[in-house]
N, C-alpha and C. Protein backbone atom coordinates (compact mmCIF):
# COMPACT_ATOMS: atom_id res chain seq x y z
N MET A 1 137.79 115.84 129.14
CA MET A 1 136.40 115.97 129.20
C MET A 1 136.11 114.54 129.97
N THR A 2 134.90 114.56 130.83
CA THR A 2 134.48 113.78 131.76
C THR A 2 133.83 112.55 131.06
N LYS A 3 133.86 111.36 131.73
CA LYS A 3 132.89 110.15 131.07
C LYS A 3 131.73 110.50 130.86
N HIS A 4 131.01 111.11 131.29
CA HIS A 4 129.39 111.54 131.13
C HIS A 4 129.43 112.33 129.93
N GLY A 5 130.42 113.24 129.79
CA GLY A 5 130.45 114.31 128.60
C GLY A 5 130.85 113.44 127.41
N ARG A 6 131.87 112.60 127.65
CA ARG A 6 132.20 111.77 126.41
C ARG A 6 130.90 110.77 125.92
N LYS A 7 130.40 110.32 126.87
CA LYS A 7 129.21 109.48 126.24
C LYS A 7 128.11 110.42 125.95
N ALA A 8 127.95 111.64 126.26
CA ALA A 8 126.65 112.66 125.86
C ALA A 8 127.12 113.07 124.22
N GLU A 9 128.41 113.11 124.03
CA GLU A 9 128.70 113.30 122.81
C GLU A 9 129.11 112.39 121.86
N ALA A 10 129.34 111.42 122.26
CA ALA A 10 128.99 109.99 121.38
C ALA A 10 127.74 109.91 121.15
N GLU A 11 126.72 110.17 121.96
CA GLU A 11 125.45 109.84 121.62
C GLU A 11 125.03 110.98 120.51
N ARG A 12 125.35 112.23 120.57
CA ARG A 12 125.08 113.20 119.70
C ARG A 12 125.74 112.96 118.35
N ASN A 13 126.75 112.36 118.23
CA ASN A 13 127.59 111.94 117.20
C ASN A 13 126.74 110.72 116.23
N ASP A 14 126.17 109.96 117.10
CA ASP A 14 125.47 108.94 116.65
C ASP A 14 124.15 109.12 116.22
N GLU A 15 123.46 110.11 116.78
CA GLU A 15 122.31 110.77 116.29
C GLU A 15 122.61 111.56 114.99
N ALA A 16 123.39 112.45 114.93
CA ALA A 16 123.78 113.01 113.62
C ALA A 16 123.98 112.01 112.38
N LEU A 17 124.73 110.91 112.85
CA LEU A 17 125.35 109.88 111.94
C LEU A 17 124.23 109.47 111.25
N LEU A 18 122.99 108.95 111.96
CA LEU A 18 121.86 108.38 111.59
C LEU A 18 120.99 109.17 110.73
N ARG A 19 120.98 110.30 111.22
CA ARG A 19 119.93 111.18 110.56
C ARG A 19 120.73 111.82 109.18
N ALA A 20 121.94 111.89 109.23
CA ALA A 20 122.76 112.07 107.97
C ALA A 20 122.79 110.78 106.99
N ALA A 21 122.59 109.81 107.34
CA ALA A 21 122.33 108.52 106.65
C ALA A 21 121.37 108.46 105.94
N ARG A 22 120.22 108.61 106.83
CA ARG A 22 119.04 108.59 106.38
C ARG A 22 118.93 109.95 105.31
N GLU A 23 119.37 111.11 105.29
CA GLU A 23 119.10 112.04 104.29
C GLU A 23 120.15 111.37 102.97
N VAL A 24 121.29 111.12 103.14
CA VAL A 24 122.11 111.05 101.99
C VAL A 24 121.51 109.56 101.50
N LEU A 25 121.01 108.65 102.20
CA LEU A 25 120.33 107.45 101.61
C LEU A 25 119.08 107.73 100.59
N ALA A 26 118.29 108.70 101.09
CA ALA A 26 117.14 109.35 100.52
C ALA A 26 117.57 109.92 99.22
N VAL A 27 118.74 110.28 98.90
CA VAL A 27 119.08 110.89 97.53
C VAL A 27 120.00 109.97 96.84
N GLU A 28 120.87 109.37 97.61
CA GLU A 28 122.02 108.66 96.46
C GLU A 28 121.82 107.09 96.98
N GLY A 29 120.73 106.80 97.34
CA GLY A 29 120.49 105.14 97.63
C GLY A 29 121.56 104.37 98.17
N ALA A 30 121.35 103.28 98.16
CA ALA A 30 122.43 102.49 99.12
C ALA A 30 123.80 102.44 98.56
N HIS A 31 124.23 103.22 97.42
CA HIS A 31 125.51 103.31 96.95
C HIS A 31 125.71 104.57 97.93
N ALA A 32 125.28 105.37 98.56
CA ALA A 32 125.79 106.32 99.38
C ALA A 32 127.09 105.93 100.14
N SER A 33 127.92 107.16 100.02
CA SER A 33 129.55 106.68 100.59
C SER A 33 129.48 107.23 102.10
N VAL A 34 130.40 106.39 102.78
CA VAL A 34 130.47 106.77 104.17
C VAL A 34 131.17 108.05 104.17
N ALA A 35 131.78 108.49 103.21
CA ALA A 35 132.36 109.98 103.39
C ALA A 35 131.27 110.93 103.20
N ALA A 36 130.41 110.72 102.15
CA ALA A 36 129.33 111.64 101.94
C ALA A 36 128.30 111.82 103.46
N ILE A 37 128.12 110.43 104.22
CA ILE A 37 127.45 110.33 105.37
C ILE A 37 128.40 111.02 106.61
N ALA A 38 129.42 110.76 106.58
CA ALA A 38 130.05 111.45 107.73
C ALA A 38 130.12 112.96 107.55
N ALA A 39 130.51 113.48 105.96
CA ALA A 39 130.66 114.85 106.19
C ALA A 39 129.47 115.85 106.29
N ARG A 40 128.15 114.96 106.14
CA ARG A 40 127.00 115.60 106.33
C ARG A 40 126.54 115.46 107.72
N ALA A 41 127.13 114.53 108.30
CA ALA A 41 126.97 114.59 109.99
C ALA A 41 127.80 115.58 110.49
N GLY A 42 129.10 115.90 110.13
CA GLY A 42 129.92 116.42 110.53
C GLY A 42 130.80 116.14 111.45
N VAL A 43 131.16 114.91 111.18
CA VAL A 43 132.14 114.05 111.81
C VAL A 43 132.97 113.55 110.78
N GLY A 44 134.11 113.02 111.78
CA GLY A 44 134.95 112.51 110.86
C GLY A 44 134.77 110.98 110.37
N ILE A 45 135.47 110.36 109.40
CA ILE A 45 135.09 108.66 109.25
C ILE A 45 135.54 108.05 110.27
N GLY A 46 136.59 108.31 110.88
CA GLY A 46 136.92 107.57 111.94
C GLY A 46 136.06 107.45 113.01
N SER A 47 135.05 108.61 113.17
CA SER A 47 134.22 108.30 114.43
C SER A 47 133.05 107.52 113.96
N LEU A 48 132.69 107.48 112.53
CA LEU A 48 131.75 106.57 111.99
C LEU A 48 132.04 105.35 111.95
N TYR A 49 133.45 104.72 111.50
CA TYR A 49 133.72 103.58 112.01
C TYR A 49 134.08 103.18 113.31
N ARG A 50 134.31 103.95 114.26
CA ARG A 50 134.12 103.76 115.56
C ARG A 50 132.79 103.09 116.03
N ARG A 51 131.96 103.83 115.39
CA ARG A 51 130.34 103.23 115.89
C ARG A 51 129.64 102.02 115.24
N TYR A 52 130.11 102.01 114.12
CA TYR A 52 129.77 100.93 112.77
C TYR A 52 130.97 100.30 112.31
N ARG A 53 130.95 99.34 112.27
CA ARG A 53 132.33 98.63 111.65
C ARG A 53 132.17 98.51 109.93
N THR A 54 130.77 98.76 109.52
CA THR A 54 130.81 98.69 108.10
C THR A 54 129.44 99.72 107.57
N LYS A 55 129.64 100.08 106.24
CA LYS A 55 128.08 100.80 106.02
C LYS A 55 127.22 99.85 106.08
N GLU A 56 127.12 98.46 105.90
CA GLU A 56 125.98 97.46 106.23
C GLU A 56 125.56 97.67 107.49
N GLU A 57 126.42 97.75 108.55
CA GLU A 57 126.22 97.82 109.71
C GLU A 57 125.26 98.99 110.12
N LEU A 58 125.61 99.96 109.52
CA LEU A 58 125.14 101.19 109.91
C LEU A 58 123.84 101.32 109.08
N PHE A 59 123.47 100.65 108.22
CA PHE A 59 122.41 100.92 107.43
C PHE A 59 121.19 99.93 108.00
N GLN A 60 121.83 98.41 108.48
CA GLN A 60 121.08 97.85 109.25
C GLN A 60 120.18 98.51 110.67
N ARG A 61 121.39 99.15 111.08
CA ARG A 61 120.93 100.01 112.19
C ARG A 61 119.70 100.85 111.80
N LEU A 62 119.77 101.66 110.68
CA LEU A 62 118.77 102.34 110.23
C LEU A 62 117.57 101.68 110.26
N CYS A 63 117.35 100.24 109.74
CA CYS A 63 116.39 99.51 109.26
C CYS A 63 115.68 99.21 110.58
N VAL A 64 116.63 98.96 111.65
CA VAL A 64 116.13 98.64 112.73
C VAL A 64 115.05 99.81 113.67
N ILE A 65 115.84 100.85 113.35
CA ILE A 65 115.11 102.05 113.99
C ILE A 65 113.87 102.28 113.18
N ALA A 66 113.92 102.41 111.91
CA ALA A 66 112.58 102.61 110.96
C ALA A 66 111.65 101.66 111.44
N LEU A 67 112.12 100.30 111.62
CA LEU A 67 110.62 99.22 111.82
C LEU A 67 110.45 99.32 113.20
N ASP A 68 111.02 99.63 114.16
CA ASP A 68 110.74 100.32 115.42
C ASP A 68 109.30 101.34 115.25
N ASP A 69 109.90 102.46 114.61
CA ASP A 69 108.92 103.52 114.44
C ASP A 69 107.67 103.00 113.70
N TYR A 70 107.68 102.14 112.90
CA TYR A 70 106.57 101.82 112.01
C TYR A 70 105.71 101.22 112.97
N LEU A 71 106.48 100.37 113.71
CA LEU A 71 105.66 99.62 114.75
C LEU A 71 104.99 100.13 115.82
N ARG A 72 105.70 101.35 116.33
CA ARG A 72 104.78 102.16 117.12
C ARG A 72 103.90 102.97 116.71
N ALA A 73 103.84 103.50 115.52
CA ALA A 73 102.77 104.07 114.70
C ALA A 73 101.68 102.95 114.51
N ALA A 74 101.83 101.70 114.05
CA ALA A 74 100.80 101.04 114.40
C ALA A 74 100.22 100.64 115.17
N GLU A 75 100.89 100.61 116.21
CA GLU A 75 100.22 100.26 117.54
C GLU A 75 99.45 101.46 118.35
N GLU A 76 99.89 102.67 117.92
CA GLU A 76 99.27 103.71 118.59
C GLU A 76 98.17 103.82 117.48
N GLY A 77 97.87 103.52 116.32
CA GLY A 77 96.84 103.41 115.54
C GLY A 77 95.47 102.24 116.07
N LEU A 78 96.27 101.18 116.56
CA LEU A 78 95.57 100.40 117.12
C LEU A 78 94.82 100.70 118.36
N ALA A 79 95.36 101.62 119.01
CA ALA A 79 95.06 102.05 120.32
C ALA A 79 93.84 103.00 120.29
N ASP A 80 93.60 103.24 119.01
CA ASP A 80 92.45 104.61 118.29
C ASP A 80 91.20 103.83 118.31
N GLU A 81 90.05 103.85 118.93
CA GLU A 81 88.83 103.33 119.04
C GLU A 81 88.19 103.76 117.56
N ASP A 82 88.54 104.51 116.61
CA ASP A 82 88.08 104.73 115.49
C ASP A 82 88.70 104.01 114.48
N PRO A 83 88.19 103.31 113.71
CA PRO A 83 88.97 102.23 112.73
C PRO A 83 89.79 103.13 111.56
N TRP A 84 89.13 104.09 111.10
CA TRP A 84 89.61 104.90 110.29
C TRP A 84 90.64 105.92 110.57
N GLU A 85 90.49 106.51 111.81
CA GLU A 85 91.17 107.58 112.39
C GLU A 85 92.78 106.59 112.61
N GLY A 86 92.50 105.42 113.35
CA GLY A 86 93.49 104.83 113.73
C GLY A 86 94.45 104.24 112.37
N LEU A 87 93.87 104.21 111.11
CA LEU A 87 94.61 103.71 110.19
C LEU A 87 95.24 104.96 109.33
N ALA A 88 94.40 106.19 109.44
CA ALA A 88 94.84 107.22 108.98
C ALA A 88 96.50 107.71 109.97
N HIS A 89 96.00 107.64 110.89
CA HIS A 89 97.23 107.82 112.13
C HIS A 89 98.43 107.06 111.57
N TYR A 90 98.36 105.95 111.50
CA TYR A 90 99.60 104.97 110.96
C TYR A 90 99.96 105.49 109.71
N ILE A 91 98.95 105.77 108.62
CA ILE A 91 99.80 106.15 107.48
C ILE A 91 100.42 107.36 107.26
N ARG A 92 99.88 108.45 108.24
CA ARG A 92 100.46 109.84 108.10
C ARG A 92 101.84 109.59 108.75
N THR A 93 101.82 108.91 109.82
CA THR A 93 102.82 108.81 110.69
C THR A 93 104.23 107.97 109.92
N ALA A 94 103.64 107.10 109.36
CA ALA A 94 104.88 106.62 108.35
C ALA A 94 105.09 107.12 107.43
N ILE A 95 104.34 107.96 106.59
CA ILE A 95 104.89 108.80 105.63
C ILE A 95 105.75 109.95 106.30
N GLU A 96 105.64 110.47 107.42
CA GLU A 96 106.59 111.72 108.24
C GLU A 96 107.78 110.74 108.85
N ILE A 97 107.73 109.58 108.75
CA ILE A 97 109.35 108.90 109.16
C ILE A 97 110.24 109.21 107.88
N GLY A 98 109.42 109.28 106.54
CA GLY A 98 110.01 110.16 105.61
C GLY A 98 111.60 109.29 105.32
N PRO A 99 112.59 110.13 105.35
CA PRO A 99 113.79 109.81 104.98
C PRO A 99 114.15 108.23 105.52
N GLY A 100 113.51 107.97 106.55
CA GLY A 100 113.64 106.33 106.89
C GLY A 100 113.11 105.28 106.05
N SER A 101 112.72 105.89 104.93
CA SER A 101 111.97 104.78 104.00
C SER A 101 113.26 103.75 103.71
N LEU A 102 113.10 102.58 103.91
CA LEU A 102 114.00 101.58 103.37
C LEU A 102 114.10 100.82 102.33
N ALA A 103 113.17 101.35 101.36
CA ALA A 103 113.13 100.77 100.14
C ALA A 103 114.51 100.90 99.25
N PRO A 104 115.50 101.92 99.34
CA PRO A 104 116.88 102.03 98.56
C PRO A 104 117.85 100.69 99.14
N LEU A 105 117.50 100.09 100.22
CA LEU A 105 118.20 99.09 100.37
C LEU A 105 117.68 97.69 100.46
N ALA A 106 116.50 97.72 99.79
CA ALA A 106 116.13 96.38 99.44
C ALA A 106 117.17 95.79 98.53
N GLY A 107 117.68 94.42 98.95
CA GLY A 107 118.53 93.37 98.49
C GLY A 107 119.96 94.01 98.25
N MET A 108 120.25 94.97 99.22
CA MET A 108 121.53 95.52 99.44
C MET A 108 122.13 95.24 100.35
N ILE A 109 121.52 94.61 101.62
CA ILE A 109 122.07 94.43 102.67
C ILE A 109 121.72 93.27 103.23
N GLU A 110 122.08 92.49 104.24
CA GLU A 110 121.80 91.35 104.89
C GLU A 110 120.83 91.72 105.71
N ILE A 111 119.65 90.90 105.86
CA ILE A 111 118.47 90.79 106.89
C ILE A 111 118.97 90.16 108.27
N THR A 112 119.13 91.03 109.01
CA THR A 112 119.15 90.11 110.38
C THR A 112 118.28 89.66 111.02
N GLU A 113 118.58 88.76 112.25
CA GLU A 113 117.20 88.29 112.66
C GLU A 113 116.31 89.22 113.40
N GLU A 114 117.06 90.35 114.18
CA GLU A 114 116.51 91.50 114.89
C GLU A 114 115.58 92.15 113.60
N MET A 115 116.37 92.48 112.43
CA MET A 115 115.32 93.26 111.50
C MET A 115 114.17 92.32 111.18
N ALA A 116 114.35 91.26 110.93
CA ALA A 116 113.25 90.08 110.56
C ALA A 116 112.01 90.33 111.80
N ASP A 117 112.55 89.95 112.73
CA ASP A 117 111.40 90.19 114.13
C ASP A 117 110.82 91.07 114.02
N LYS A 118 111.36 92.25 113.85
CA LYS A 118 110.70 93.67 114.03
C LYS A 118 109.82 93.75 112.88
N ASN A 119 110.19 93.31 111.63
CA ASN A 119 109.30 93.65 110.66
C ASN A 119 107.98 92.65 110.45
N ALA A 120 108.38 91.46 111.23
CA ALA A 120 107.23 90.30 111.30
C ALA A 120 105.93 91.14 112.41
N ARG A 121 106.43 91.70 113.33
CA ARG A 121 105.77 92.46 114.38
C ARG A 121 105.03 93.32 113.91
N SER A 122 105.85 94.16 112.87
CA SER A 122 105.25 95.29 112.02
C SER A 122 104.21 95.10 111.37
N ASP A 123 104.31 94.21 110.38
CA ASP A 123 103.38 93.75 109.61
C ASP A 123 102.20 93.17 110.11
N GLU A 124 102.30 92.46 111.30
CA GLU A 124 101.13 91.80 111.89
C GLU A 124 100.44 93.13 112.49
N ALA A 125 100.80 94.07 113.00
CA ALA A 125 100.11 95.21 113.65
C ALA A 125 99.36 95.95 112.55
N VAL A 126 100.31 96.16 111.16
CA VAL A 126 99.52 96.92 109.81
C VAL A 126 98.29 96.04 109.68
N ALA A 127 98.65 94.64 109.55
CA ALA A 127 97.84 93.82 109.17
C ALA A 127 96.22 94.09 109.82
N ALA A 128 96.56 94.01 111.36
CA ALA A 128 95.22 94.09 112.36
C ALA A 128 94.61 95.53 111.76
N LEU A 129 95.50 96.64 111.68
CA LEU A 129 94.71 97.90 111.56
C LEU A 129 94.05 97.80 110.02
N VAL A 130 94.25 97.11 109.18
CA VAL A 130 93.68 97.25 107.60
C VAL A 130 92.55 96.33 107.83
N GLU A 131 92.65 95.17 108.64
CA GLU A 131 91.38 94.24 108.76
C GLU A 131 90.56 95.24 109.77
N ARG A 132 90.79 95.86 110.52
CA ARG A 132 89.72 96.44 111.39
C ARG A 132 89.19 97.41 110.44
N ALA A 133 89.70 98.12 109.82
CA ALA A 133 89.34 99.27 108.72
C ALA A 133 87.99 98.59 107.78
N HIS A 134 88.58 97.44 107.17
CA HIS A 134 87.77 96.62 106.27
C HIS A 134 86.58 96.15 107.02
N ARG A 135 86.49 95.53 108.21
CA ARG A 135 85.28 95.24 109.03
C ARG A 135 84.44 96.19 109.29
N ALA A 136 84.95 97.32 109.55
CA ALA A 136 84.07 98.68 109.87
C ALA A 136 83.64 99.38 108.70
N GLY A 137 84.13 98.73 107.28
CA GLY A 137 83.58 99.28 106.07
C GLY A 137 84.15 100.97 105.84
N VAL A 138 85.04 101.20 106.31
CA VAL A 138 85.59 102.50 106.16
C VAL A 138 87.15 102.69 105.16
N LEU A 139 87.60 101.36 105.09
CA LEU A 139 88.55 101.28 104.08
C LEU A 139 88.07 100.63 102.85
N ARG A 140 88.21 101.00 101.72
CA ARG A 140 87.88 100.69 100.54
C ARG A 140 88.04 99.19 100.31
N PRO A 141 87.24 98.03 100.06
CA PRO A 141 87.44 96.63 100.06
C PRO A 141 88.82 96.12 99.25
N ASP A 142 88.92 96.95 98.20
CA ASP A 142 90.08 96.30 97.34
C ASP A 142 91.36 96.72 97.50
N VAL A 143 91.61 97.80 98.74
CA VAL A 143 92.84 98.05 99.21
C VAL A 143 93.58 96.92 100.07
N THR A 144 94.77 96.64 99.70
CA THR A 144 95.40 95.64 100.70
C THR A 144 96.54 96.23 101.56
N MET A 145 97.13 95.60 102.42
CA MET A 145 98.14 95.87 103.35
C MET A 145 99.17 96.18 102.36
N VAL A 146 99.35 95.61 101.20
CA VAL A 146 100.90 95.89 100.24
C VAL A 146 100.59 97.16 99.76
N ASP A 147 99.16 97.33 99.16
CA ASP A 147 98.70 98.63 98.55
C ASP A 147 99.74 99.72 99.46
N LEU A 148 98.96 99.78 100.93
CA LEU A 148 99.21 100.65 101.88
C LEU A 148 100.88 101.02 101.69
N ALA A 149 101.69 99.94 102.05
CA ALA A 149 103.05 99.74 101.96
C ALA A 149 103.61 100.58 100.92
N LEU A 150 103.15 100.17 99.88
CA LEU A 150 103.67 101.05 98.63
C LEU A 150 103.33 102.27 98.30
N LEU A 151 102.39 102.70 98.85
CA LEU A 151 101.54 104.10 99.10
C LEU A 151 102.66 105.21 99.97
N VAL A 152 102.82 104.50 100.91
CA VAL A 152 103.56 104.95 102.14
C VAL A 152 105.15 105.23 101.37
N GLU A 153 105.64 104.06 100.84
CA GLU A 153 106.81 104.00 100.20
C GLU A 153 106.94 105.59 99.27
N GLN A 154 105.71 105.77 98.32
CA GLN A 154 105.47 106.64 97.27
C GLN A 154 105.79 108.07 98.14
N LEU A 155 104.90 108.04 99.05
CA LEU A 155 104.42 109.69 99.68
C LEU A 155 105.48 110.17 100.81
N ALA A 156 106.40 108.95 101.26
CA ALA A 156 107.72 109.32 102.08
C ALA A 156 108.69 110.24 101.39
N LYS A 157 108.45 110.09 100.08
CA LYS A 157 109.68 111.08 99.52
C LYS A 157 109.22 112.06 98.46
N SER A 158 109.62 113.38 98.72
CA SER A 158 109.06 114.58 98.33
C SER A 158 110.08 115.13 97.48
N PRO A 159 109.90 114.89 95.93
CA PRO A 159 110.89 115.57 95.18
C PRO A 159 111.18 117.07 95.34
N LEU A 160 109.95 117.26 95.43
CA LEU A 160 109.77 119.03 95.56
C LEU A 160 110.62 119.40 96.78
N LEU A 161 110.42 118.83 98.00
CA LEU A 161 111.21 119.28 99.29
C LEU A 161 112.68 119.01 99.11
N ASP A 162 113.21 117.74 98.41
CA ASP A 162 114.46 117.34 98.02
C ASP A 162 115.07 118.79 97.16
N GLN A 163 114.34 118.69 96.22
CA GLN A 163 115.16 120.14 95.22
C GLN A 163 115.31 121.18 96.00
N LEU A 164 114.25 121.65 96.60
CA LEU A 164 114.30 122.93 97.58
C LEU A 164 115.46 123.19 98.39
N GLY A 165 115.39 122.01 99.12
CA GLY A 165 116.61 121.52 100.08
C GLY A 165 118.04 121.94 99.37
N ASN A 166 118.30 121.16 98.40
CA ASN A 166 119.36 121.03 97.56
C ASN A 166 119.59 122.56 96.93
N GLN A 167 118.98 123.29 96.75
CA GLN A 167 118.92 124.58 96.35
C GLN A 167 119.14 125.95 97.22
N GLY A 168 118.68 125.03 98.58
CA GLY A 168 119.02 126.23 99.70
C GLY A 168 117.85 127.04 99.71
N ARG A 169 116.50 127.11 98.99
CA ARG A 169 115.93 127.59 99.14
C ARG A 169 114.66 127.56 100.27
N THR A 170 114.95 127.96 101.53
CA THR A 170 114.49 127.95 102.91
C THR A 170 112.95 128.92 102.59
N ASP A 171 113.13 129.82 102.02
CA ASP A 171 111.75 130.78 101.87
C ASP A 171 110.76 129.93 101.44
N LEU A 172 110.92 128.59 100.58
CA LEU A 172 109.52 127.85 99.97
C LEU A 172 109.54 126.58 100.61
N ILE A 173 110.20 126.10 101.86
CA ILE A 173 110.14 124.97 102.36
C ILE A 173 108.90 124.85 103.10
N GLU A 174 108.19 125.97 103.63
CA GLU A 174 106.93 125.80 104.34
C GLU A 174 105.68 125.58 103.51
N ALA A 175 105.57 126.22 102.31
CA ALA A 175 104.70 126.17 101.28
C ALA A 175 105.01 124.87 100.70
N ALA A 176 105.91 124.22 100.50
CA ALA A 176 106.13 123.10 100.02
C ALA A 176 105.77 121.94 101.10
N ARG A 177 105.98 122.09 102.47
CA ARG A 177 105.41 121.06 103.21
C ARG A 177 103.99 121.04 103.20
N ASP A 178 103.50 122.46 102.90
CA ASP A 178 101.80 122.60 103.18
C ASP A 178 101.23 121.94 101.78
N ALA A 179 102.06 122.08 100.65
CA ALA A 179 101.50 121.43 99.31
C ALA A 179 101.85 119.67 99.46
N ARG A 180 102.51 119.40 100.25
CA ARG A 180 102.88 118.08 100.50
C ARG A 180 101.76 117.38 101.34
N ALA A 181 101.21 118.18 102.40
CA ALA A 181 100.11 117.79 103.18
C ALA A 181 98.96 117.67 102.47
N ARG A 182 98.67 118.39 101.40
CA ARG A 182 97.98 118.54 100.94
C ARG A 182 97.43 117.16 99.80
N ILE A 183 98.81 116.80 99.15
CA ILE A 183 98.86 115.54 98.59
C ILE A 183 98.38 114.50 99.29
N ASN A 184 99.06 114.34 100.61
CA ASN A 184 98.78 113.13 101.49
C ASN A 184 97.34 113.09 101.74
N ALA A 185 96.77 114.28 101.85
CA ALA A 185 95.37 114.24 102.16
C ALA A 185 94.30 113.70 101.01
N ILE A 186 94.83 114.03 99.95
CA ILE A 186 94.17 113.48 98.94
C ILE A 186 94.39 111.98 98.78
N ALA A 187 95.52 111.56 98.94
CA ALA A 187 95.70 110.14 98.89
C ALA A 187 94.92 109.31 99.87
N LEU A 188 94.82 109.90 101.27
CA LEU A 188 94.15 109.11 102.29
C LEU A 188 92.84 109.14 101.51
N ASP A 189 92.14 110.38 101.26
CA ASP A 189 90.51 110.27 101.06
C ASP A 189 90.55 109.08 99.89
N GLY A 190 91.40 108.78 98.91
CA GLY A 190 91.50 107.72 98.15
C GLY A 190 91.19 106.38 98.37
N LEU A 191 91.81 106.35 99.90
CA LEU A 191 91.54 104.95 100.58
C LEU A 191 89.83 104.62 101.18
N ARG A 192 89.47 105.45 100.98
CA ARG A 192 87.87 105.64 101.68
C ARG A 192 86.90 104.51 101.29
N ALA A 193 86.13 103.89 101.71
CA ALA A 193 85.42 103.00 101.04
C ALA A 193 84.45 103.77 100.13
N THR A 194 84.28 105.19 100.12
CA THR A 194 83.31 105.79 99.37
C THR A 194 83.97 106.08 98.02
N ALA A 195 85.40 105.56 98.17
CA ALA A 195 85.99 106.08 96.68
C ALA A 195 85.22 105.68 95.23
N ALA A 196 85.04 106.23 94.32
CA ALA A 196 84.11 106.35 93.46
C ALA A 196 84.85 105.17 92.28
N HIS A 197 85.62 104.95 91.89
CA HIS A 197 86.20 103.98 91.08
C HIS A 197 87.06 102.94 91.44
N PRO A 198 86.75 101.53 91.00
CA PRO A 198 87.50 100.46 91.50
C PRO A 198 89.27 100.74 90.84
N LEU A 199 89.82 100.00 91.99
CA LEU A 199 91.34 99.89 91.14
C LEU A 199 91.47 98.82 90.06
N PRO A 200 92.50 99.51 89.35
CA PRO A 200 93.00 98.85 88.15
C PRO A 200 93.68 97.48 88.58
N GLY A 201 93.59 96.54 87.78
CA GLY A 201 94.54 95.48 87.66
C GLY A 201 94.30 94.47 89.30
N GLU A 202 95.16 93.41 89.31
CA GLU A 202 95.21 92.31 90.37
C GLU A 202 95.81 93.15 91.54
N PRO A 203 95.30 92.63 92.71
CA PRO A 203 96.26 93.21 93.98
C PRO A 203 97.59 92.97 93.93
N PRO A 204 98.47 93.62 94.14
CA PRO A 204 99.87 93.11 94.57
C PRO A 204 99.91 92.11 95.68
N SER A 205 100.91 91.22 95.12
CA SER A 205 101.27 90.07 96.04
C SER A 205 102.44 90.73 97.49
N TYR A 206 102.48 90.07 98.30
CA TYR A 206 103.31 90.41 99.50
C TYR A 206 104.75 90.38 98.80
N ALA A 207 105.22 89.21 97.78
CA ALA A 207 105.93 88.93 97.26
C ALA A 207 106.97 90.06 96.47
N LEU A 208 106.05 90.81 95.98
CA LEU A 208 106.43 92.00 95.39
C LEU A 208 106.85 92.80 96.18
N PHE A 209 106.53 93.10 97.20
CA PHE A 209 107.35 94.21 98.34
C PHE A 209 108.22 93.52 99.17
N SER A 210 108.31 92.14 99.33
CA SER A 210 109.36 91.61 100.04
C SER A 210 110.47 90.67 99.46
N ASP A 211 110.20 90.11 98.25
CA ASP A 211 111.14 89.54 97.83
C ASP A 211 112.46 90.38 97.16
N ARG A 212 112.15 91.70 96.80
CA ARG A 212 113.16 92.66 96.36
C ARG A 212 114.62 92.82 97.59
N TRP A 213 114.09 92.09 98.95
CA TRP A 213 114.85 92.50 99.80
C TRP A 213 116.03 91.11 99.58
N GLU A 214 115.96 89.99 99.02
CA GLU A 214 116.61 89.08 98.66
C GLU A 214 117.92 89.60 98.11
N ARG A 215 119.06 89.02 98.74
CA ARG A 215 120.25 89.32 98.14
C ARG A 215 120.86 88.16 96.95
């Protein structure tokens, strides 16, 4: 095999490992085994450890990729002149990142400087989206950035799609995706400033969202 061919194969293996890690993480949480990840990716454990020295290093890489995706979605939203459509674009895209949800890793891995930097940049962009939507009067005034983060976390996981996937029911996947899109649309409409009822309780603090990452 040529040097170019080996590099291409390594890149394919890495993509397969990251995809498998997201999928296994979504089902088994941070305790997912490297054996399960490698098996799902269709590669040997040796290939995994040649790319990532530890499972924690693999999960840290997942975080970096997801944070890049969230930041890109927020920046795309800010580029939209319509405050509501920009915010909705971010929320829909963040939900579609789906198995990239980082919640199962909270408190389980060390936060690297790269992760902290990318998280801060992503938070800043999302905060700008929320502030702009509030100023325009299109986002209900009692919704905070933390509310949105927790909403995305909830909607990013679809128990129905997970169940059908585990059952191998490919005949129902498309209908389940359509149903999920409807649920997401209902949730988005609930964020509009015209929503009928105020939200219960006090707004969640940022600490509720962030402190669980401390080890």
